[in-house]
Amino acid sequence: GVCLNEGCIPTKTLLNCAKMYRHATESAAFGVTVEGATFDHEKVIERKKRVVKTLVGGVGMTMKAAGVTVINARATIEGKSADGFVVSADNGESYTAARLCIATGSDAFVPPVPGVKEGLMSGMVKTNREILDMTTLPKSLAVIGGGVIGLEMACYFASVGVKVTVIERNPKIGGATDPDICRVLMHEYSKRGMEFKLSCNVLAVTPRAVIYDDNGEQCKCECDCVLLSVGRRASTANIGLEKLGVATERGAVVTDRYMCTNVAGVYAVGDCNGK
């Protein structure tokens, strides 16, 4: 899923590499001086891929040991027969079971901001998926969204010398995180050269900049790359939920506290239920 392949694990791997670099360049206060320390982002990405591959393999072995059959194919719900719920896969096979668990995760939300889709196609705008595979460091990065995902990546790039600007529409970073913690976090990030544009709405993205509104004034943040990090949305389209009448709300599968949907025997776990 997202966490292991293009979320928590890869970002923590990058952040640990950045921390090692900071230990080398900022350790004089501890009596340790390292001369000529350099940072190779391409090798960091190679290491990230090895870490992910190792952990993915570990999960695979755990699944196998538990007797789980894994089919690598795209699945679609076809309905319900006398024998149970029917799911077809694009490998040409069909599967039937008494119970069905939906765990399709989420995707990065792409807002209808002028220039964003064009930027995604050109590669200038990236989501968490693309930026984790970028092998060269940009000179400057604008991060649209000051939530957890945006801040993790902003911290990494700022720590290795990239000029980072975070544009957030709310008056504080960190989403629902405690305000006192957010203030400390922003103070530490600012010491590393990160700039914050709070209570600012993004108006458009151009090939070389992000245009945003700051208290009624139109401003420009020039940058080489943009990280789009304004939240995630449940990935439930085109999987056949309507064939069973599974209820959704704003794209997420509706569940109770036990992850049960409105259809008996059908469950939804993880990001796809919006919780």
C-alpha atoms as a PDB file:
ATOM      1  CA  GLY A   1       0.000   0.000   0.000  1.00  0.00           C
ATOM      2  CA  VAL A   2       0.852   3.716   0.143  1.00  0.00           C
ATOM      3  CA  CYS A   3       2.664   3.726   3.495  1.00  0.00           C
ATOM      4  CA  LEU A   4       5.247   1.138   2.537  1.00  0.00           C
ATOM      5  CA  ASN A   5       5.761   2.003  -1.123  1.00  0.00           C
ATOM      6  CA  GLU A   6       5.301   5.761  -1.433  1.00  0.00           C
ATOM      7  CA  GLY A   7       4.504   7.151   2.014  1.00  0.00           C
ATOM      8  CA  CYS A   8       5.743   6.709   5.567  1.00  0.00           C
ATOM      9  CA  ILE A   9       8.634   4.291   4.980  1.00  0.00           C
ATOM     10  CA  PRO A  10      10.288   6.101   2.030  1.00  0.00           C
ATOM     11  CA  THR A  11       9.938   9.526   3.674  1.00  0.00           C
ATOM     12  CA  LYS A  12      11.452   8.294   6.946  1.00  0.00           C
ATOM     13  CA  THR A  13      14.311   6.746   4.951  1.00  0.00           C
ATOM     14  CA  LEU A  14      15.024  10.105   3.290  1.00  0.00           C
ATOM     15  CA  LEU A  15      14.744  11.989   6.568  1.00  0.00           C
ATOM     16  CA  ASN A  16      17.209   9.618   8.238  1.00  0.00           C
ATOM     17  CA  CYS A  17      19.731  10.249   5.447  1.00  0.00           C
ATOM     18  CA  ALA A  18      19.267  13.998   5.922  1.00  0.00           C
ATOM     19  CA  LYS A  19      19.814  13.598   9.662  1.00  0.00           C
ATOM     20  CA  MET A  20      23.080  11.740   9.038  1.00  0.00           C
ATOM     21  CA  TYR A  21      24.175  14.605   6.807  1.00  0.00           C
ATOM     22  CA  ARG A  22      23.281  17.173   9.466  1.00  0.00           C
ATOM     23  CA  HIS A  23      25.238  15.204  12.063  1.00  0.00           C
ATOM     24  CA  ALA A  24      28.269  15.455   9.789  1.00  0.00           C
ATOM     25  CA  THR A  25      27.898  19.183   9.092  1.00  0.00           C
ATOM     26  CA  GLU A  26      26.581  20.429  12.441  1.00  0.00           C
ATOM     27  CA  SER A  27      28.506  18.373  14.977  1.00  0.00           C
ATOM     28  CA  ALA A  28      31.210  20.915  15.845  1.00  0.00           C
ATOM     29  CA  ALA A  29      29.336  21.844  19.029  1.00  0.00           C
ATOM     30  CA  PHE A  30      29.890  18.262  20.190  1.00  0.00           C
ATOM     31  CA  GLY A  31      33.609  18.401  19.509  1.00  0.00           C
ATOM     32  CA  VAL A  32      33.381  16.500  16.238  1.00  0.00           C
ATOM     33  CA  THR A  33      34.428  18.181  13.014  1.00  0.00           C
ATOM     34  CA  VAL A  34      33.812  16.554   9.653  1.00  0.00           C
ATOM     35  CA  GLU A  35      35.485  18.169   6.667  1.00  0.00           C
ATOM     36  CA  GLY A  36      34.292  17.820   3.105  1.00  0.00           C
ATOM     37  CA  ALA A  37      30.927  16.184   3.868  1.00  0.00           C
ATOM     38  CA  THR A  38      28.801  15.926   0.734  1.00  0.00           C
ATOM     39  CA  PHE A  39      25.271  14.767   0.013  1.00  0.00           C
ATOM     40  CA  ASP A  40      24.343  12.540  -2.931  1.00  0.00           C
ATOM     41  CA  HIS A  41      20.578  12.606  -3.452  1.00  0.00           C
ATOM     42  CA  GLU A  42      20.698   9.988  -6.201  1.00  0.00           C
ATOM     43  CA  LYS A  43      22.332   7.487  -3.836  1.00  0.00           C
ATOM     44  CA  VAL A  44      19.754   8.369  -1.176  1.00  0.00           C
ATOM     45  CA  ILE A  45      16.982   7.438  -3.622  1.00  0.00           C
ATOM     46  CA  GLU A  46      18.792   4.183  -4.435  1.00  0.00           C
ATOM     47  CA  ARG A  47      18.954   3.365  -0.725  1.00  0.00           C
ATOM     48  CA  LYS A  48      15.278   4.238  -0.335  1.00  0.00           C
ATOM     49  CA  LYS A  49      14.388   1.761  -3.068  1.00  0.00           C
ATOM     50  CA  ARG A  50      16.429  -0.974  -1.368  1.00  0.00           C
ATOM     51  CA  VAL A  51      14.725  -0.344   1.973  1.00  0.00           C
ATOM     52  CA  VAL A  52      11.281  -0.456   0.391  1.00  0.00           C
ATOM     53  CA  LYS A  53      12.116  -3.601  -1.594  1.00  0.00           C
ATOM     54  CA  THR A  54      13.372  -5.354   1.545  1.00  0.00           C
ATOM     55  CA  LEU A  55      10.285  -4.502   3.585  1.00  0.00           C
ATOM     56  CA  VAL A  56       7.908  -5.322   0.738  1.00  0.00           C
ATOM     57  CA  GLY A  57       9.615  -8.702   0.490  1.00  0.00           C
ATOM     58  CA  GLY A  58       9.221  -9.187   4.240  1.00  0.00           C
ATOM     59  CA  VAL A  59       5.510  -8.465   4.065  1.00  0.00           C
ATOM     60  CA  GLY A  60       5.228 -10.878   1.148  1.00  0.00           C
ATOM     61  CA  MET A  61       6.904 -13.658   3.141  1.00  0.00           C
ATOM     62  CA  THR A  62       4.633 -12.973   6.106  1.00  0.00           C
ATOM     63  CA  MET A  63       1.584 -13.214   3.857  1.00  0.00           C
ATOM     64  CA  LYS A  64       2.855 -16.480   2.380  1.00  0.00           C
ATOM     65  CA  ALA A  65       3.555 -17.936   5.820  1.00  0.00           C
ATOM     66  CA  ALA A  66       0.006 -17.074   6.863  1.00  0.00           C
ATOM     67  CA  GLY A  67      -1.407 -18.916   3.873  1.00  0.00           C
ATOM     68  CA  VAL A  68      -2.584 -15.823   2.000  1.00  0.00           C
ATOM     69  CA  THR A  69      -2.753 -16.004  -1.783  1.00  0.00           C
ATOM     70  CA  VAL A  70      -1.701 -12.742  -3.426  1.00  0.00           C
ATOM     71  CA  ILE A  71      -2.805 -11.976  -6.991  1.00  0.00           C
ATOM     72  CA  ASN A  72      -1.076  -9.035  -8.653  1.00  0.00           C
ATOM     73  CA  ALA A  73      -3.911  -7.720 -10.790  1.00  0.00           C
ATOM     74  CA  ARG A  74      -6.513  -4.962 -10.894  1.00  0.00           C
ATOM     75  CA  ALA A  75      -9.804  -6.135  -9.367  1.00  0.00           C
ATOM     76  CA  THR A  76     -13.401  -5.112 -10.013  1.00  0.00           C
ATOM     77  CA  ILE A  77     -16.502  -6.080  -8.024  1.00  0.00           C
ATOM     78  CA  GLU A  78     -18.983  -7.827 -10.321  1.00  0.00           C
ATOM     79  CA  GLY A  79     -21.831  -8.394  -7.866  1.00  0.00           C
ATOM     80  CA  LYS A  80     -23.127 -11.190  -5.675  1.00  0.00           C
ATOM     81  CA  SER A  81     -24.059 -14.754  -6.606  1.00  0.00           C
ATOM     82  CA  ALA A  82     -25.543 -17.630  -4.609  1.00  0.00           C
ATOM     83  CA  ASP A  83     -21.991 -18.557  -3.583  1.00  0.00           C
ATOM     84  CA  GLY A  84     -20.931 -15.097  -2.415  1.00  0.00           C
ATOM     85  CA  PHE A  85     -19.374 -11.897  -3.672  1.00  0.00           C
ATOM     86  CA  VAL A  86     -17.834 -12.087  -7.129  1.00  0.00           C
ATOM     87  CA  VAL A  87     -14.669 -10.206  -8.041  1.00  0.00           C
ATOM     88  CA  SER A  88     -12.996 -10.282 -11.447  1.00  0.00           C
ATOM     89  CA  ALA A  89      -9.363  -9.480 -12.123  1.00  0.00           C
ATOM     90  CA  ASP A  90      -7.681  -8.196 -15.254  1.00  0.00           C
ATOM     91  CA  ASN A  91      -5.686 -11.424 -15.396  1.00  0.00           C
ATOM     92  CA  GLY A  92      -8.859 -13.068 -16.715  1.00  0.00           C
ATOM     93  CA  GLU A  93      -9.693 -14.870 -13.475  1.00  0.00           C
ATOM     94  CA  SER A  94     -12.785 -14.547 -11.293  1.00  0.00           C
ATOM     95  CA  TYR A  95     -12.967 -15.036  -7.527  1.00  0.00           C
ATOM     96  CA  THR A  96     -15.914 -15.701  -5.202  1.00  0.00           C
ATOM     97  CA  ALA A  97     -15.989 -15.411  -1.410  1.00  0.00           C
ATOM     98  CA  ALA A  98     -18.501 -15.222   1.423  1.00  0.00           C
ATOM     99  CA  ARG A  99     -17.014 -11.929   2.621  1.00  0.00           C
ATOM    100  CA  LEU A 100     -15.410  -8.991   0.882  1.00  0.00           C
ATOM    101  CA  CYS A 101     -12.904  -6.505   2.321  1.00  0.00           C
ATOM    102  CA  ILE A 102     -12.235  -3.289   0.404  1.00  0.00           C
ATOM    103  CA  ALA A 103      -8.784  -1.823   1.070  1.00  0.00           C
ATOM    104  CA  THR A 104      -8.021   0.306  -1.972  1.00  0.00           C
ATOM    105  CA  GLY A 105      -6.348   3.145  -0.071  1.00  0.00           C
ATOM    106  CA  SER A 106      -6.173   6.758  -1.204  1.00  0.00           C
ATOM    107  CA  ASP A 107      -4.607   9.028  -3.807  1.00  0.00           C
ATOM    108  CA  ALA A 108      -3.200  12.537  -3.610  1.00  0.00           C
ATOM    109  CA  PHE A 109      -5.950  15.100  -4.069  1.00  0.00           C
ATOM    110  CA  VAL A 110      -5.469  17.337  -7.124  1.00  0.00           C
ATOM    111  CA  PRO A 111      -7.339  20.639  -6.644  1.00  0.00           C
ATOM    112  CA  PRO A 112      -8.865  22.492  -9.628  1.00  0.00           C
ATOM    113  CA  VAL A 113      -6.191  25.198  -9.571  1.00  0.00           C
ATOM    114  CA  PRO A 114      -5.194  26.627 -12.969  1.00  0.00           C
ATOM    115  CA  GLY A 115      -1.888  25.179 -14.156  1.00  0.00           C
ATOM    116  CA  VAL A 116      -1.746  22.242 -11.723  1.00  0.00           C
ATOM    117  CA  LYS A 117      -2.743  19.503 -14.180  1.00  0.00           C
ATOM    118  CA  GLU A 118      -0.438  20.942 -16.821  1.00  0.00           C
ATOM    119  CA  GLY A 119       2.354  21.014 -14.235  1.00  0.00           C
ATOM    120  CA  LEU A 120       1.741  17.372 -13.348  1.00  0.00           C
ATOM    121  CA  MET A 121       1.986  16.416 -17.016  1.00  0.00           C
ATOM    122  CA  SER A 122       5.206  18.393 -17.523  1.00  0.00           C
ATOM    123  CA  GLY A 123       6.782  17.087 -14.319  1.00  0.00           C
ATOM    124  CA  MET A 124       7.178  20.501 -12.708  1.00  0.00           C
ATOM    125  CA  VAL A 125       4.397  19.690 -10.213  1.00  0.00           C
ATOM    126  CA  LYS A 126       4.749  16.464  -8.235  1.00  0.00           C
ATOM    127  CA  THR A 127       2.713  14.550  -5.680  1.00  0.00           C
ATOM    128  CA  ASN A 128       4.241  12.371  -2.953  1.00  0.00           C
ATOM    129  CA  ARG A 129       4.506   9.561  -5.511  1.00  0.00           C
ATOM    130  CA  GLU A 130       6.662  11.393  -8.063  1.00  0.00           C
ATOM    131  CA  ILE A 131       8.830  13.378  -5.667  1.00  0.00           C
ATOM    132  CA  LEU A 132      10.007  10.216  -3.909  1.00  0.00           C
ATOM    133  CA  ASP A 133      11.535   8.990  -7.175  1.00  0.00           C
ATOM    134  CA  MET A 134      13.118  12.293  -8.232  1.00  0.00           C
ATOM    135  CA  THR A 135      16.878  11.654  -8.569  1.00  0.00           C
ATOM    136  CA  THR A 136      18.114  15.263  -8.818  1.00  0.00           C
ATOM    137  CA  LEU A 137      17.660  17.998  -6.238  1.00  0.00           C
ATOM    138  CA  PRO A 138      15.903  21.190  -7.366  1.00  0.00           C
ATOM    139  CA  LYS A 139      17.449  24.513  -6.383  1.00  0.00           C
ATOM    140  CA  SER A 140      14.102  25.673  -5.015  1.00  0.00           C
ATOM    141  CA  LEU A 141      10.887  23.932  -4.002  1.00  0.00           C
ATOM    142  CA  ALA A 142       7.421  25.328  -3.310  1.00  0.00           C
ATOM    143  CA  VAL A 143       5.268  23.079  -1.143  1.00  0.00           C
ATOM    144  CA  ILE A 144       1.522  23.648  -1.509  1.00  0.00           C
ATOM    145  CA  GLY A 145       0.099  22.465   1.788  1.00  0.00           C
ATOM    146  CA  GLY A 146       1.583  22.578   5.282  1.00  0.00           C
ATOM    147  CA  GLY A 147       0.197  19.283   6.567  1.00  0.00           C
ATOM    148  CA  VAL A 148       2.196  16.287   7.759  1.00  0.00           C
ATOM    149  CA  ILE A 149       3.145  14.951   4.321  1.00  0.00           C
ATOM    150  CA  GLY A 150       4.164  18.350   2.978  1.00  0.00           C
ATOM    151  CA  LEU A 151       6.216  19.152   6.078  1.00  0.00           C
ATOM    152  CA  GLU A 152       8.079  15.840   5.994  1.00  0.00           C
ATOM    153  CA  MET A 153       9.243  16.412   2.447  1.00  0.00           C
ATOM    154  CA  ALA A 154       9.885  20.111   3.068  1.00  0.00           C
ATOM    155  CA  CYS A 155      12.098  19.200   6.028  1.00  0.00           C
ATOM    156  CA  TYR A 156      14.107  16.742   3.970  1.00  0.00           C
ATOM    157  CA  PHE A 157      14.777  19.088   1.076  1.00  0.00           C
ATOM    158  CA  ALA A 158      15.553  22.072   3.308  1.00  0.00           C
ATOM    159  CA  SER A 159      17.991  19.953   5.346  1.00  0.00           C
ATOM    160  CA  VAL A 160      20.050  19.150   2.261  1.00  0.00           C
ATOM    161  CA  GLY A 161      20.269  22.700   0.936  1.00  0.00           C
ATOM    162  CA  VAL A 162      17.161  23.254  -1.184  1.00  0.00           C
ATOM    163  CA  LYS A 163      15.397  26.612  -0.797  1.00  0.00           C
ATOM    164  CA  VAL A 164      11.915  25.642   0.454  1.00  0.00           C
ATOM    165  CA  THR A 165       8.750  27.730   0.702  1.00  0.00           C
ATOM    166  CA  VAL A 166       5.588  26.284   2.268  1.00  0.00           C
ATOM    167  CA  ILE A 167       2.274  27.833   1.195  1.00  0.00           C
ATOM    168  CA  GLU A 168      -0.591  26.994   3.546  1.00  0.00           C
ATOM    169  CA  ARG A 169      -4.140  28.334   3.441  1.00  0.00           C
ATOM    170  CA  ASN A 170      -4.643  27.934   7.207  1.00  0.00           C
ATOM    171  CA  PRO A 171      -3.104  30.265   9.824  1.00  0.00           C
ATOM    172  CA  LYS A 172      -0.870  27.452  11.159  1.00  0.00           C
ATOM    173  CA  ILE A 173       1.024  24.441   9.873  1.00  0.00           C
ATOM    174  CA  GLY A 174       0.508  20.844  10.946  1.00  0.00           C
ATOM    175  CA  GLY A 175      -3.242  20.566  10.470  1.00  0.00           C
ATOM    176  CA  ALA A 176      -4.939  19.477  13.700  1.00  0.00           C
ATOM    177  CA  THR A 177      -1.639  19.140  15.565  1.00  0.00           C
ATOM    178  CA  ASP A 178      -1.442  21.028  18.880  1.00  0.00           C
ATOM    179  CA  PRO A 179      -0.703  24.739  18.190  1.00  0.00           C
ATOM    180  CA  ASP A 180       2.192  24.860  20.673  1.00  0.00           C
ATOM    181  CA  ILE A 181       3.898  21.965  18.896  1.00  0.00           C
ATOM    182  CA  CYS A 182       3.310  23.642  15.544  1.00  0.00           C
ATOM    183  CA  ARG A 183       4.940  26.861  16.751  1.00  0.00           C
ATOM    184  CA  VAL A 184       8.039  24.997  17.923  1.00  0.00           C
ATOM    185  CA  LEU A 185       8.155  23.051  14.664  1.00  0.00           C
ATOM    186  CA  MET A 186       7.867  26.174  12.531  1.00  0.00           C
ATOM    187  CA  HIS A 187      10.570  27.887  14.600  1.00  0.00           C
ATOM    188  CA  GLU A 188      12.968  24.959  14.052  1.00  0.00           C
ATOM    189  CA  TYR A 189      12.137  24.755  10.352  1.00  0.00           C
ATOM    190  CA  SER A 190      12.650  28.495   9.939  1.00  0.00           C
ATOM    191  CA  LYS A 191      16.139  28.192  11.419  1.00  0.00           C
ATOM    192  CA  ARG A 192      16.922  25.826   8.552  1.00  0.00           C
ATOM    193  CA  GLY A 193      15.907  28.458   6.034  1.00  0.00           C
ATOM    194  CA  MET A 194      12.362  27.367   5.273  1.00  0.00           C
ATOM    195  CA  GLU A 195       9.867  30.142   4.546  1.00  0.00           C
ATOM    196  CA  PHE A 196       6.180  29.972   5.420  1.00  0.00           C
ATOM    197  CA  LYS A 197       3.310  31.736   3.701  1.00  0.00           C
ATOM    198  CA  LEU A 198       0.340  31.176   6.027  1.00  0.00           C
ATOM    199  CA  SER A 199      -3.315  32.098   5.444  1.00  0.00           C
ATOM    200  CA  CYS A 200      -2.500  32.173   1.737  1.00  0.00           C
ATOM    201  CA  ASN A 201      -4.592  30.688  -1.066  1.00  0.00           C
ATOM    202  CA  VAL A 202      -2.922  29.368  -4.207  1.00  0.00           C
ATOM    203  CA  LEU A 203      -4.389  31.000  -7.308  1.00  0.00           C
ATOM    204  CA  ALA A 204      -2.396  29.360 -10.088  1.00  0.00           C
ATOM    205  CA  VAL A 205       0.746  27.448 -10.976  1.00  0.00           C
ATOM    206  CA  THR A 206       2.965  28.560 -13.857  1.00  0.00           C
ATOM    207  CA  PRO A 207       5.990  26.756 -15.361  1.00  0.00           C
ATOM    208  CA  ARG A 208       8.309  28.663 -12.999  1.00  0.00           C
ATOM    209  CA  ALA A 209       6.218  29.858 -10.058  1.00  0.00           C
ATOM    210  CA  VAL A 210       3.238  29.524  -7.744  1.00  0.00           C
ATOM    211  CA  ILE A 211       0.851  32.476  -7.677  1.00  0.00           C
ATOM    212  CA  TYR A 212      -0.955  32.964  -4.372  1.00  0.00           C
ATOM    213  CA  ASP A 213      -3.180  35.426  -2.550  1.00  0.00           C
ATOM    214  CA  ASP A 214      -1.766  36.925   0.652  1.00  0.00           C
ATOM    215  CA  ASN A 215      -4.400  39.007   2.429  1.00  0.00           C
ATOM    216  CA  GLY A 216      -5.756  40.351  -0.848  1.00  0.00           C
ATOM    217  CA  GLU A 217      -2.377  40.884  -2.486  1.00  0.00           C
ATOM    218  CA  GLN A 218      -1.322  38.672  -5.397  1.00  0.00           C
ATOM    219  CA  CYS A 219       2.176  37.303  -4.805  1.00  0.00           C
ATOM    220  CA  LYS A 220       4.563  35.047  -6.690  1.00  0.00           C
ATOM    221  CA  CYS A 221       6.817  32.288  -5.347  1.00  0.00           C
ATOM    222  CA  GLU A 222       9.387  31.444  -7.994  1.00  0.00           C
ATOM    223  CA  CYS A 223      10.586  27.841  -7.886  1.00  0.00           C
ATOM    224  CA  ASP A 224      12.054  24.981  -9.910  1.00  0.00           C
ATOM    225  CA  CYS A 225       9.637  22.385  -8.578  1.00  0.00           C
ATOM    226  CA  VAL A 226       6.264  22.220  -6.798  1.00  0.00           C
ATOM    227  CA  LEU A 227       5.128  19.581  -4.322  1.00  0.00           C
ATOM    228  CA  LEU A 228       1.355  19.288  -4.275  1.00  0.00           C
ATOM    229  CA  SER A 229       0.357  18.167  -0.784  1.00  0.00           C
ATOM    230  CA  VAL A 230      -3.173  19.330  -0.009  1.00  0.00           C
ATOM    231  CA  GLY A 231      -4.612  16.100   1.323  1.00  0.00           C
ATOM    232  CA  ARG A 232      -5.701  12.705   0.073  1.00  0.00           C
ATOM    233  CA  ARG A 233      -8.938  11.256  -1.211  1.00  0.00           C
ATOM    234  CA  ALA A 234     -10.266   7.713  -0.955  1.00  0.00           C
ATOM    235  CA  SER A 235      -9.491   5.601  -4.022  1.00  0.00           C
ATOM    236  CA  THR A 236     -12.889   4.026  -4.729  1.00  0.00           C
ATOM    237  CA  ALA A 237     -13.694   4.943  -8.335  1.00  0.00           C
ATOM    238  CA  ASN A 238     -14.285   2.233 -10.926  1.00  0.00           C
ATOM    239  CA  ILE A 239     -14.058  -0.742  -8.559  1.00  0.00           C
ATOM    240  CA  GLY A 240     -17.735  -1.713  -8.833  1.00  0.00           C
ATOM    241  CA  LEU A 241     -19.120  -0.510  -5.503  1.00  0.00           C
ATOM    242  CA  GLU A 242     -22.366   0.491  -7.196  1.00  0.00           C
ATOM    243  CA  LYS A 243     -23.013  -3.132  -8.224  1.00  0.00           C
ATOM    244  CA  LEU A 244     -23.485  -4.028  -4.556  1.00  0.00           C
ATOM    245  CA  GLY A 245     -25.069  -0.740  -3.511  1.00  0.00           C
ATOM    246  CA  VAL A 246     -22.203   0.071  -1.119  1.00  0.00           C
ATOM    247  CA  ALA A 247     -22.786   3.529   0.351  1.00  0.00           C
ATOM    248  CA  THR A 248     -20.157   6.218  -0.098  1.00  0.00           C
ATOM    249  CA  GLU A 249     -19.802   9.775   1.134  1.00  0.00           C
ATOM    250  CA  ARG A 250     -17.540  12.270  -0.674  1.00  0.00           C
ATOM    251  CA  GLY A 251     -15.928   9.293  -2.376  1.00  0.00           C
ATOM    252  CA  ALA A 252     -15.163   7.372   0.826  1.00  0.00           C
ATOM    253  CA  VAL A 253     -16.861   4.101   1.754  1.00  0.00           C
ATOM    254  CA  VAL A 254     -19.191   4.647   4.718  1.00  0.00           C
ATOM    255  CA  THR A 255     -18.495   2.274   7.639  1.00  0.00           C
ATOM    256  CA  ASP A 256     -19.434   1.888  11.288  1.00  0.00           C
ATOM    257  CA  ARG A 257     -16.948   1.564  14.147  1.00  0.00           C
ATOM    258  CA  TYR A 258     -16.345  -2.085  13.191  1.00  0.00           C
ATOM    259  CA  MET A 259     -15.514  -1.214   9.556  1.00  0.00           C
ATOM    260  CA  CYS A 260     -18.794  -2.737   8.348  1.00  0.00           C
ATOM    261  CA  THR A 261     -20.434  -1.153   5.299  1.00  0.00           C
ATOM    262  CA  ASN A 262     -24.169  -0.955   4.707  1.00  0.00           C
ATOM    263  CA  VAL A 263     -23.945  -4.297   2.856  1.00  0.00           C
ATOM    264  CA  ALA A 264     -23.710  -7.345   5.126  1.00  0.00           C
ATOM    265  CA  GLY A 265     -20.432  -9.180   4.663  1.00  0.00           C
ATOM    266  CA  VAL A 266     -18.665  -6.229   3.032  1.00  0.00           C
ATOM    267  CA  TYR A 267     -16.020  -4.302   4.972  1.00  0.00           C
ATOM    268  CA  ALA A 268     -13.806  -1.304   4.185  1.00  0.00           C
ATOM    269  CA  VAL A 269     -10.491  -0.709   5.953  1.00  0.00           C
ATOM    270  CA  GLY A 270      -7.763   1.908   5.695  1.00  0.00           C
ATOM    271  CA  ASP A 271      -7.857   5.183   3.775  1.00  0.00           C
ATOM    272  CA  CYS A 272     -10.689   4.074   1.483  1.00  0.00           C
ATOM    273  CA  ASN A 273     -13.209   4.621   4.306  1.00  0.00           C
ATOM    274  CA  GLY A 274     -12.037   8.168   4.948  1.00  0.00           C
ATOM    275  CA  LYS A 275     -11.192   7.508   8.596  1.00  0.00           C
END
